[in-house]
Structure formats: structure tokens, C-alpha cells
Amino acid sequence: MAAFHFELVSPEKLLFSGDVEAVGVPGAEGDFQMLKGHAPLMSMLRPGVVTVDESASKSTKLFVRGGFAEVSASGLTILAEQAIPLADLDTARIDAEIKDLEEDLADAQTAEARQAASEKLSHVKELKAALKL
């Protein structure tokens, strides 16, 4: 299969840079699969899993929490708000964080505090769901 260049960047670091065969992207308006020669586009990302197929036998999965994807003649670039390799995630830690966020939501005194706690809780639950993939 033909390869193209892919980069995944978060505010903390460059998580991936190299030639790949395919990338599955969680677009805001639906998932899409990037292959060599894909038409140019820009897409917002929703929380979900980016699947990077470096070869037929090597695949990497990373959880992204929002951001943008740009497909151009030079390849695919993802600018993620947050990105974490699924291999680095710990279910027990995520469960504890969900419990803490549920308590924060129950204790919230203002609409703004409830909204912020609800959004954080939703993102962490998406992260937990990504572990099941």
C-alpha cells in the first residue's frame, strides 16, 4: 500500500511523525479514513481514537480530545487539544477520576461550574470508552 506523511501534534509534544499507510480520524461530522491521495480537507475533531496504520502489521491507537485535522498534498496533520496513546492509559486511574468528577458535578454551586464539571466528566468517559476499542 502507498504511504503518505502523517504528524500528530498536541500542545505538550509531537506524538507521531512519519510515513503511514492509513489513518482513521474521529471527525466532528463523522469518522474518516485517510489514505494516500485523499482529497484536501479540514475537519474539526471530536473526542475519539485515531488509528495509525504504519504497515499491515503495525498499528497504533491514540485518544484525542478535540482539535483539527488538515489533509493536504503533503499528507495529514492533526493538531489535537490533548492526545494520549491508548497503551499509556490506566483504567483504575480513569475510574477514580470519573468518581471525583461526578462528586464535583454534584457539588457544583453555579451553572458555569456544573457545565465545566459536566464537560470534563464527558471527556473522561469518552476516554474510558476508547479503552474498550
C-alpha atoms as a PDB file:
ATOM      1  CA  MET A   1       0.000   0.000   0.000  1.00  0.00           C
ATOM      2  CA  ALA A   2       1.228   3.523  -0.754  1.00  0.00           C
ATOM      3  CA  ALA A   3       2.466   5.654   2.134  1.00  0.00           C
ATOM      4  CA  PHE A   4       1.950   9.329   2.973  1.00  0.00           C
ATOM      5  CA  HIS A   5       3.331  11.620   5.694  1.00  0.00           C
ATOM      6  CA  PHE A   6       1.390  11.970   8.961  1.00  0.00           C
ATOM      7  CA  GLU A   7       2.007  14.145  12.024  1.00  0.00           C
ATOM      8  CA  LEU A   8       0.044  14.268  15.269  1.00  0.00           C
ATOM      9  CA  VAL A   9       0.849  17.231  17.492  1.00  0.00           C
ATOM     10  CA  SER A  10      -0.514  18.171  20.919  1.00  0.00           C
ATOM     11  CA  PRO A  11       0.347  21.274  22.975  1.00  0.00           C
ATOM     12  CA  GLU A  12       2.752  19.126  25.030  1.00  0.00           C
ATOM     13  CA  LYS A  13       4.698  17.409  22.234  1.00  0.00           C
ATOM     14  CA  LEU A  14       4.918  15.838  18.812  1.00  0.00           C
ATOM     15  CA  LEU A  15       3.382  12.384  19.314  1.00  0.00           C
ATOM     16  CA  PHE A  16       3.885  10.963  15.846  1.00  0.00           C
ATOM     17  CA  SER A  17       5.721  11.927  12.678  1.00  0.00           C
ATOM     18  CA  GLY A  18       6.364   9.528   9.845  1.00  0.00           C
ATOM     19  CA  ASP A  19       5.112   7.763   6.762  1.00  0.00           C
ATOM     20  CA  VAL A  20       1.990   5.640   7.204  1.00  0.00           C
ATOM     21  CA  GLU A  21      -0.389   3.624   5.053  1.00  0.00           C
ATOM     22  CA  ALA A  22      -3.679   4.805   6.604  1.00  0.00           C
ATOM     23  CA  VAL A  23      -5.088   6.872   9.471  1.00  0.00           C
ATOM     24  CA  GLY A  24      -8.584   6.611  10.940  1.00  0.00           C
ATOM     25  CA  VAL A  25      -9.743  10.009  12.211  1.00  0.00           C
ATOM     26  CA  PRO A  26     -12.697  10.849  14.527  1.00  0.00           C
ATOM     27  CA  GLY A  27     -14.075  13.847  12.620  1.00  0.00           C
ATOM     28  CA  ALA A  28     -16.696  16.072  14.226  1.00  0.00           C
ATOM     29  CA  GLU A  29     -19.116  15.238  11.404  1.00  0.00           C
ATOM     30  CA  GLY A  30     -18.155  11.577  11.204  1.00  0.00           C
ATOM     31  CA  ASP A  31     -15.135   9.335  11.152  1.00  0.00           C
ATOM     32  CA  PHE A  32     -12.992   9.241   8.021  1.00  0.00           C
ATOM     33  CA  GLN A  33     -10.133   7.124   6.763  1.00  0.00           C
ATOM     34  CA  MET A  34      -7.130   8.929   5.286  1.00  0.00           C
ATOM     35  CA  LEU A  35      -5.245   7.127   2.513  1.00  0.00           C
ATOM     36  CA  LYS A  36      -2.625   8.408   0.076  1.00  0.00           C
ATOM     37  CA  GLY A  37      -4.223  10.699  -2.485  1.00  0.00           C
ATOM     38  CA  HIS A  38      -7.173  11.748  -0.253  1.00  0.00           C
ATOM     39  CA  ALA A  39      -8.848  14.962  -1.363  1.00  0.00           C
ATOM     40  CA  PRO A  40      -7.769  18.057   0.617  1.00  0.00           C
ATOM     41  CA  LEU A  41      -9.981  18.916   3.578  1.00  0.00           C
ATOM     42  CA  MET A  42     -10.054  20.390   7.050  1.00  0.00           C
ATOM     43  CA  SER A  43     -12.108  18.877   9.842  1.00  0.00           C
ATOM     44  CA  MET A  44     -12.718  19.549  13.492  1.00  0.00           C
ATOM     45  CA  LEU A  45     -12.151  16.508  15.702  1.00  0.00           C
ATOM     46  CA  ARG A  46     -14.429  15.084  18.347  1.00  0.00           C
ATOM     47  CA  PRO A  47     -13.087  13.097  21.293  1.00  0.00           C
ATOM     48  CA  GLY A  48     -12.186   9.667  19.976  1.00  0.00           C
ATOM     49  CA  VAL A  49      -9.475   7.324  18.786  1.00  0.00           C
ATOM     50  CA  VAL A  50      -7.016   7.992  15.974  1.00  0.00           C
ATOM     51  CA  THR A  51      -5.851   4.699  14.472  1.00  0.00           C
ATOM     52  CA  VAL A  52      -2.477   4.900  12.723  1.00  0.00           C
ATOM     53  CA  ASP A  53      -1.626   2.020  10.382  1.00  0.00           C
ATOM     54  CA  GLU A  54       2.113   2.279   9.803  1.00  0.00           C
ATOM     55  CA  SER A  55       2.111  -1.047   7.934  1.00  0.00           C
ATOM     56  CA  ALA A  56      -0.106  -4.085   7.563  1.00  0.00           C
ATOM     57  CA  SER A  57       1.342  -5.500  10.796  1.00  0.00           C
ATOM     58  CA  LYS A  58       1.897  -2.349  12.897  1.00  0.00           C
ATOM     59  CA  SER A  59      -0.969  -0.201  14.195  1.00  0.00           C
ATOM     60  CA  THR A  60      -1.039   2.459  16.923  1.00  0.00           C
ATOM     61  CA  LYS A  61      -4.105   3.925  18.645  1.00  0.00           C
ATOM     62  CA  LEU A  62      -4.202   7.313  20.348  1.00  0.00           C
ATOM     63  CA  PHE A  63      -7.068   9.021  22.154  1.00  0.00           C
ATOM     64  CA  VAL A  64      -7.582  12.648  21.087  1.00  0.00           C
ATOM     65  CA  ARG A  65      -9.737  15.191  22.862  1.00  0.00           C
ATOM     66  CA  GLY A  66     -10.745  17.567  20.100  1.00  0.00           C
ATOM     67  CA  GLY A  67      -8.624  19.562  17.690  1.00  0.00           C
ATOM     68  CA  PHE A  68      -8.270  19.867  13.918  1.00  0.00           C
ATOM     69  CA  ALA A  69      -7.192  17.630  11.049  1.00  0.00           C
ATOM     70  CA  GLU A  70      -5.789  19.009   7.806  1.00  0.00           C
ATOM     71  CA  VAL A  71      -5.409  16.873   4.700  1.00  0.00           C
ATOM     72  CA  SER A  72      -3.211  18.408   2.010  1.00  0.00           C
ATOM     73  CA  ALA A  73      -0.993  17.296  -0.860  1.00  0.00           C
ATOM     74  CA  SER A  74       1.847  16.862   1.662  1.00  0.00           C
ATOM     75  CA  GLY A  75      -0.163  14.468   3.889  1.00  0.00           C
ATOM     76  CA  LEU A  76      -2.204  14.632   7.092  1.00  0.00           C
ATOM     77  CA  THR A  77      -1.583  16.815  10.118  1.00  0.00           C
ATOM     78  CA  ILE A  78      -3.622  16.551  13.313  1.00  0.00           C
ATOM     79  CA  LEU A  79      -3.423  19.340  15.889  1.00  0.00           C
ATOM     80  CA  ALA A  80      -5.020  17.809  18.978  1.00  0.00           C
ATOM     81  CA  GLU A  81      -6.123  19.619  22.130  1.00  0.00           C
ATOM     82  CA  GLN A  82      -4.912  16.547  24.010  1.00  0.00           C
ATOM     83  CA  ALA A  83      -3.559  13.226  22.750  1.00  0.00           C
ATOM     84  CA  ILE A  84      -2.687  10.099  24.744  1.00  0.00           C
ATOM     85  CA  PRO A  85      -1.507   6.725  23.417  1.00  0.00           C
ATOM     86  CA  LEU A  86      -4.075   4.110  24.488  1.00  0.00           C
ATOM     87  CA  ALA A  87      -1.197   1.930  25.706  1.00  0.00           C
ATOM     88  CA  ASP A  88      -0.390   4.622  28.329  1.00  0.00           C
ATOM     89  CA  LEU A  89      -3.872   4.678  29.881  1.00  0.00           C
ATOM     90  CA  ASP A  90      -4.710   3.119  33.248  1.00  0.00           C
ATOM     91  CA  THR A  91      -8.323   2.024  33.798  1.00  0.00           C
ATOM     92  CA  ALA A  92      -8.151   2.306  37.600  1.00  0.00           C
ATOM     93  CA  ARG A  93      -6.892   5.893  37.374  1.00  0.00           C
ATOM     94  CA  ILE A  94      -9.633   6.796  34.908  1.00  0.00           C
ATOM     95  CA  ASP A  95     -12.317   5.226  37.138  1.00  0.00           C
ATOM     96  CA  ALA A  96     -11.053   7.259  40.112  1.00  0.00           C
ATOM     97  CA  GLU A  97     -11.096  10.430  38.017  1.00  0.00           C
ATOM     98  CA  ILE A  98     -14.689   9.721  36.920  1.00  0.00           C
ATOM     99  CA  LYS A  99     -15.734   9.295  40.561  1.00  0.00           C
ATOM    100  CA  ASP A 100     -14.050  12.596  41.525  1.00  0.00           C
ATOM    101  CA  LEU A 101     -15.677  14.428  38.621  1.00  0.00           C
ATOM    102  CA  GLU A 102     -19.116  13.031  39.490  1.00  0.00           C
ATOM    103  CA  GLU A 103     -18.637  14.401  43.016  1.00  0.00           C
ATOM    104  CA  ASP A 104     -17.528  17.755  41.592  1.00  0.00           C
ATOM    105  CA  LEU A 105     -20.645  17.850  39.420  1.00  0.00           C
ATOM    106  CA  ALA A 106     -22.908  17.050  42.393  1.00  0.00           C
ATOM    107  CA  ASP A 107     -21.192  19.751  44.497  1.00  0.00           C
ATOM    108  CA  ALA A 108     -21.250  22.468  41.796  1.00  0.00           C
ATOM    109  CA  GLN A 109     -22.952  25.641  43.055  1.00  0.00           C
ATOM    110  CA  THR A 110     -23.326  27.623  39.813  1.00  0.00           C
ATOM    111  CA  ALA A 111     -24.485  26.844  36.292  1.00  0.00           C
ATOM    112  CA  GLU A 112     -20.990  27.599  34.995  1.00  0.00           C
ATOM    113  CA  ALA A 113     -19.387  25.198  37.485  1.00  0.00           C
ATOM    114  CA  ARG A 114     -21.934  22.486  36.589  1.00  0.00           C
ATOM    115  CA  GLN A 115     -21.263  22.991  32.870  1.00  0.00           C
ATOM    116  CA  ALA A 116     -17.485  22.788  33.328  1.00  0.00           C
ATOM    117  CA  ALA A 117     -17.729  19.681  35.518  1.00  0.00           C
ATOM    118  CA  SER A 118     -20.159  18.060  33.076  1.00  0.00           C
ATOM    119  CA  GLU A 119     -17.822  18.675  30.113  1.00  0.00           C
ATOM    120  CA  LYS A 120     -14.804  17.265  31.973  1.00  0.00           C
ATOM    121  CA  LEU A 121     -16.821  14.221  33.043  1.00  0.00           C
ATOM    122  CA  SER A 122     -17.993  13.647  29.463  1.00  0.00           C
ATOM    123  CA  HIS A 123     -14.402  13.790  28.156  1.00  0.00           C
ATOM    124  CA  VAL A 124     -13.117  11.317  30.743  1.00  0.00           C
ATOM    125  CA  LYS A 125     -15.993   8.938  29.987  1.00  0.00           C
ATOM    126  CA  GLU A 126     -15.067   9.157  26.272  1.00  0.00           C
ATOM    127  CA  LEU A 127     -11.514   8.283  27.259  1.00  0.00           C
ATOM    128  CA  LYS A 128     -12.720   5.233  29.190  1.00  0.00           C
ATOM    129  CA  ALA A 129     -14.856   4.142  26.237  1.00  0.00           C
ATOM    130  CA  ALA A 130     -11.782   4.424  23.997  1.00  0.00           C
ATOM    131  CA  LEU A 131     -10.005   1.821  26.118  1.00  0.00           C
ATOM    132  CA  LYS A 132     -12.596  -0.751  25.078  1.00  0.00           C
ATOM    133  CA  LEU A 133     -11.663  -0.440  21.389  1.00  0.00           C
END
